[in-house]
Every structure is written in C-alpha cells, then in structure tokens.
C-alpha cells in the first residue's frame, strides 16, 4: 500500500506543477498585453511626443519583472 501511495503522491505533484506552470505562463502573457496596451494609450494621449521615453520606461518595468518583450519582437520594430 505504501508504494501505491507514493506513486499517487508523485503523480499529484506532477499534475499540480503542470497546472501552476500553465497559470504562470498565462499570467506573463496577460501582463505583457497590459503593458503593451498601457504603452499604446500613453502614446495616443501624448500624440507620440514622448514615445521614446515611454518605451524606455516600459522596457525598464518589464525588465525588472523578468518580461523581456523585445525577444518576441522582430528586429527594427
């Protein structure tokens, strides 16, 4: 019986970790979407006048949160 309990416990841990990893990935995606939306709205509100400063601020904020957004962006954008 001990062996069965051990196997079930291991399976439960793997299942839980898979679920947590999935939520973690979804959370990063939602955070990136929110960051991009905020950047776009700020640029619209300022008429693009402070686009470079807003972009640098967004990069610093995302960098401090471990979200490297430029990895997904093609060169030159």
N, C-alpha and C. Protein backbone atom coordinates (compact mmCIF):
# COMPACT_ATOMS: atom_id res chain seq x y z
N UNK A 1 0.82 -1.19 0.00
CA UNK A 1 0.00 0.00 0.00
C UNK A 1 0.86 1.26 0.00
N UNK A 2 2.00 1.20 0.65
CA UNK A 2 2.91 2.34 0.72
C UNK A 2 3.41 2.74 -0.67
N UNK A 3 3.69 1.77 -1.49
CA UNK A 3 4.18 2.03 -2.85
C UNK A 3 3.12 2.74 -3.68
N UNK A 4 1.88 2.30 -3.57
CA UNK A 4 0.78 2.93 -4.31
C UNK A 4 0.60 4.37 -3.85
N UNK A 5 0.65 4.59 -2.57
CA UNK A 5 0.52 5.95 -2.03
C UNK A 5 1.64 6.85 -2.54
N UNK A 6 2.84 6.31 -2.60
CA UNK A 6 3.98 7.08 -3.08
C UNK A 6 3.81 7.45 -4.55
N UNK A 7 3.36 6.50 -5.36
CA UNK A 7 3.15 6.77 -6.79
C UNK A 7 2.04 7.80 -6.97
N UNK A 8 0.96 7.66 -6.26
CA UNK A 8 -0.14 8.63 -6.36
C UNK A 8 0.30 10.01 -5.91
N UNK A 9 1.10 10.08 -4.88
CA UNK A 9 1.61 11.36 -4.39
C UNK A 9 2.49 12.03 -5.45
N UNK A 10 3.35 11.24 -6.10
CA UNK A 10 4.21 11.77 -7.16
C UNK A 10 3.39 12.27 -8.34
N UNK A 11 2.37 11.50 -8.74
CA UNK A 11 1.50 11.92 -9.84
C UNK A 11 0.77 13.21 -9.50
N UNK A 12 0.30 13.32 -8.25
CA UNK A 12 -0.40 14.53 -7.81
C UNK A 12 0.53 15.75 -7.89
N UNK A 13 1.75 15.59 -7.45
CA UNK A 13 2.73 16.69 -7.50
C UNK A 13 2.98 17.13 -8.94
N UNK A 14 3.15 16.16 -9.85
CA UNK A 14 3.39 16.48 -11.26
C UNK A 14 2.20 17.21 -11.85
N UNK A 15 1.00 16.77 -11.53
CA UNK A 15 -0.21 17.42 -12.03
C UNK A 15 -0.28 18.86 -11.54
N UNK A 16 -0.06 19.05 -10.25
CA UNK A 16 -0.12 20.40 -9.67
C UNK A 16 0.93 21.32 -10.29
N UNK A 17 2.14 20.82 -10.45
CA UNK A 17 3.20 21.65 -11.04
C UNK A 17 2.85 22.02 -12.48
N UNK A 18 2.27 21.10 -13.23
CA UNK A 18 1.86 21.40 -14.60
C UNK A 18 0.81 22.50 -14.64
N UNK A 19 -0.13 22.42 -13.72
CA UNK A 19 -1.18 23.45 -13.66
C UNK A 19 -0.58 24.80 -13.27
N UNK A 20 0.31 24.81 -12.27
CA UNK A 20 0.93 26.07 -11.86
C UNK A 20 1.78 26.67 -12.97
N UNK A 21 2.51 25.84 -13.71
CA UNK A 21 3.31 26.33 -14.83
C UNK A 21 2.43 26.95 -15.90
N UNK A 22 1.28 26.34 -16.13
CA UNK A 22 0.35 26.87 -17.14
C UNK A 22 -0.18 28.24 -16.72
N UNK A 23 -0.59 28.36 -15.45
CA UNK A 23 -1.08 29.65 -14.97
C UNK A 23 0.01 30.71 -15.00
N UNK A 24 1.22 30.31 -14.67
CA UNK A 24 2.35 31.24 -14.68
C UNK A 24 2.56 31.79 -16.09
N UNK A 25 2.51 30.90 -17.08
CA UNK A 25 2.68 31.31 -18.48
C UNK A 25 1.56 32.25 -18.91
N UNK A 26 0.33 31.91 -18.53
CA UNK A 26 -0.80 32.76 -18.89
C UNK A 26 -0.69 34.12 -18.22
N UNK A 27 -0.21 34.15 -16.99
CA UNK A 27 -0.03 35.41 -16.27
C UNK A 27 0.97 36.32 -16.96
N UNK A 28 2.07 35.74 -17.43
CA UNK A 28 3.07 36.54 -18.15
C UNK A 28 2.47 37.12 -19.43
N UNK A 29 1.69 36.31 -20.13
CA UNK A 29 1.08 36.77 -21.38
C UNK A 29 0.12 37.92 -21.11
N UNK A 30 -0.71 37.79 -20.07
CA UNK A 30 -1.65 38.86 -19.72
C UNK A 30 -0.91 40.13 -19.28
N UNK A 31 0.16 39.97 -18.53
CA UNK A 31 0.93 41.13 -18.08
C UNK A 31 1.54 41.86 -19.26
N UNK A 32 2.05 41.11 -20.23
CA UNK A 32 2.64 41.72 -21.42
C UNK A 32 1.57 42.46 -22.22
N UNK A 33 0.40 41.86 -22.35
CA UNK A 33 -0.70 42.53 -23.05
C UNK A 33 -1.06 43.84 -22.36
N UNK A 34 -1.14 43.81 -21.04
CA UNK A 34 -1.47 45.02 -20.29
C UNK A 34 -0.41 46.09 -20.44
N UNK A 35 0.83 45.69 -20.43
CA UNK A 35 1.95 46.62 -20.59
C UNK A 35 1.92 47.27 -21.98
N UNK A 36 1.67 46.45 -22.99
CA UNK A 36 1.61 46.97 -24.36
C UNK A 36 0.43 47.92 -24.54
N UNK A 37 -0.70 47.58 -23.94
CA UNK A 37 -1.88 48.44 -24.03
C UNK A 37 -1.62 49.78 -23.34
N UNK A 38 -1.00 49.73 -22.18
CA UNK A 38 -0.69 50.97 -21.45
C UNK A 38 0.25 51.84 -22.27
N UNK A 39 1.27 51.23 -22.88
CA UNK A 39 2.21 51.99 -23.71
C UNK A 39 1.47 52.64 -24.88
N UNK A 40 0.61 51.89 -25.53
CA UNK A 40 -0.12 52.41 -26.68
C UNK A 40 -1.02 53.58 -26.27
N UNK A 41 -1.72 53.44 -25.16
CA UNK A 41 -2.61 54.52 -24.71
C UNK A 41 -1.84 55.77 -24.32
N UNK A 42 -0.70 55.59 -23.65
CA UNK A 42 0.11 56.76 -23.28
C UNK A 42 0.61 57.48 -24.53
N UNK A 43 1.03 56.71 -25.53
CA UNK A 43 1.48 57.33 -26.77
C UNK A 43 0.35 58.06 -27.48
N UNK A 44 -0.85 57.50 -27.43
CA UNK A 44 -2.01 58.18 -28.03
C UNK A 44 -2.32 59.47 -27.29
N UNK A 45 -2.29 59.43 -25.97
CA UNK A 45 -2.61 60.61 -25.15
C UNK A 45 -1.60 61.73 -25.36
N UNK A 46 -0.33 61.37 -25.58
CA UNK A 46 0.71 62.39 -25.74
C UNK A 46 0.98 62.71 -27.21
N UNK A 47 0.22 62.09 -28.09
CA UNK A 47 0.42 62.33 -29.52
C UNK A 47 1.77 61.82 -30.02
N UNK A 48 2.34 60.88 -29.32
CA UNK A 48 3.63 60.31 -29.73
C UNK A 48 4.83 61.16 -29.37
N UNK A 49 4.60 62.28 -28.70
CA UNK A 49 5.67 63.20 -28.35
C UNK A 49 6.73 62.55 -27.46
N UNK A 50 6.29 61.70 -26.55
CA UNK A 50 7.21 61.08 -25.59
C UNK A 50 7.35 59.58 -25.83
N UNK A 51 7.21 59.17 -27.09
CA UNK A 51 7.22 57.75 -27.43
C UNK A 51 8.49 57.04 -26.97
N UNK A 52 9.65 57.65 -27.19
CA UNK A 52 10.91 57.02 -26.78
C UNK A 52 11.01 56.87 -25.26
N UNK A 53 10.61 57.92 -24.54
CA UNK A 53 10.67 57.86 -23.08
C UNK A 53 9.70 56.81 -22.54
N UNK A 54 8.51 56.74 -23.11
CA UNK A 54 7.51 55.75 -22.68
C UNK A 54 8.02 54.35 -22.97
N UNK A 55 8.62 54.16 -24.14
CA UNK A 55 9.15 52.84 -24.50
C UNK A 55 10.28 52.42 -23.55
N UNK A 56 11.18 53.36 -23.24
CA UNK A 56 12.26 53.04 -22.30
C UNK A 56 11.71 52.70 -20.91
N UNK A 57 10.71 53.45 -20.47
CA UNK A 57 10.09 53.18 -19.18
C UNK A 57 9.42 51.80 -19.15
N UNK A 58 8.76 51.47 -20.24
CA UNK A 58 8.12 50.16 -20.33
C UNK A 58 9.17 49.05 -20.32
N UNK A 59 10.26 49.23 -21.05
CA UNK A 59 11.32 48.23 -21.08
C UNK A 59 11.93 48.04 -19.69
N UNK A 60 12.14 49.13 -18.97
CA UNK A 60 12.70 49.02 -17.62
C UNK A 60 11.75 48.30 -16.68
N UNK A 61 10.46 48.65 -16.77
CA UNK A 61 9.47 48.00 -15.91
C UNK A 61 9.38 46.50 -16.22
N UNK A 62 9.30 46.16 -17.50
CA UNK A 62 9.21 44.76 -17.89
C UNK A 62 10.49 44.02 -17.53
N UNK A 63 11.62 44.68 -17.69
CA UNK A 63 12.89 44.05 -17.34
C UNK A 63 12.98 43.73 -15.86
N UNK A 64 12.49 44.66 -15.03
CA UNK A 64 12.53 44.41 -13.59
C UNK A 64 11.57 43.31 -13.18
N UNK A 65 10.57 43.03 -14.02
CA UNK A 65 9.62 41.96 -13.74
C UNK A 65 9.99 40.66 -14.46
N UNK A 66 11.10 40.69 -15.20
CA UNK A 66 11.55 39.49 -15.90
C UNK A 66 10.80 39.24 -17.20
N UNK A 67 10.23 40.28 -17.76
CA UNK A 67 9.49 40.14 -19.01
C UNK A 67 10.28 40.82 -20.13
N UNK A 68 11.05 40.07 -20.86
CA UNK A 68 11.85 40.64 -21.94
C UNK A 68 11.00 40.66 -23.20
N UNK A 69 10.32 41.79 -23.43
CA UNK A 69 9.39 41.87 -24.54
C UNK A 69 10.07 41.93 -25.90
N UNK A 70 11.31 42.40 -25.95
CA UNK A 70 11.98 42.55 -27.23
C UNK A 70 12.44 41.21 -27.81
N UNK A 71 12.43 40.14 -27.03
CA UNK A 71 12.75 38.82 -27.55
C UNK A 71 11.74 38.37 -28.58
N UNK A 72 10.48 38.79 -28.39
CA UNK A 72 9.41 38.38 -29.30
C UNK A 72 9.27 39.30 -30.51
N UNK A 73 9.92 40.44 -30.45
CA UNK A 73 9.74 41.45 -31.50
C UNK A 73 10.81 41.31 -32.56
N UNK A 74 10.40 41.29 -33.85
CA UNK A 74 11.39 41.25 -34.94
C UNK A 74 12.27 42.49 -34.92
N UNK A 75 13.47 42.37 -35.40
CA UNK A 75 14.44 43.47 -35.44
C UNK A 75 13.87 44.66 -36.21
N UNK A 76 14.04 45.86 -35.68
CA UNK A 76 13.63 47.08 -36.38
C UNK A 76 12.24 47.56 -36.02
N UNK A 77 11.54 46.89 -35.12
CA UNK A 77 10.22 47.35 -34.75
C UNK A 77 10.24 48.02 -33.41
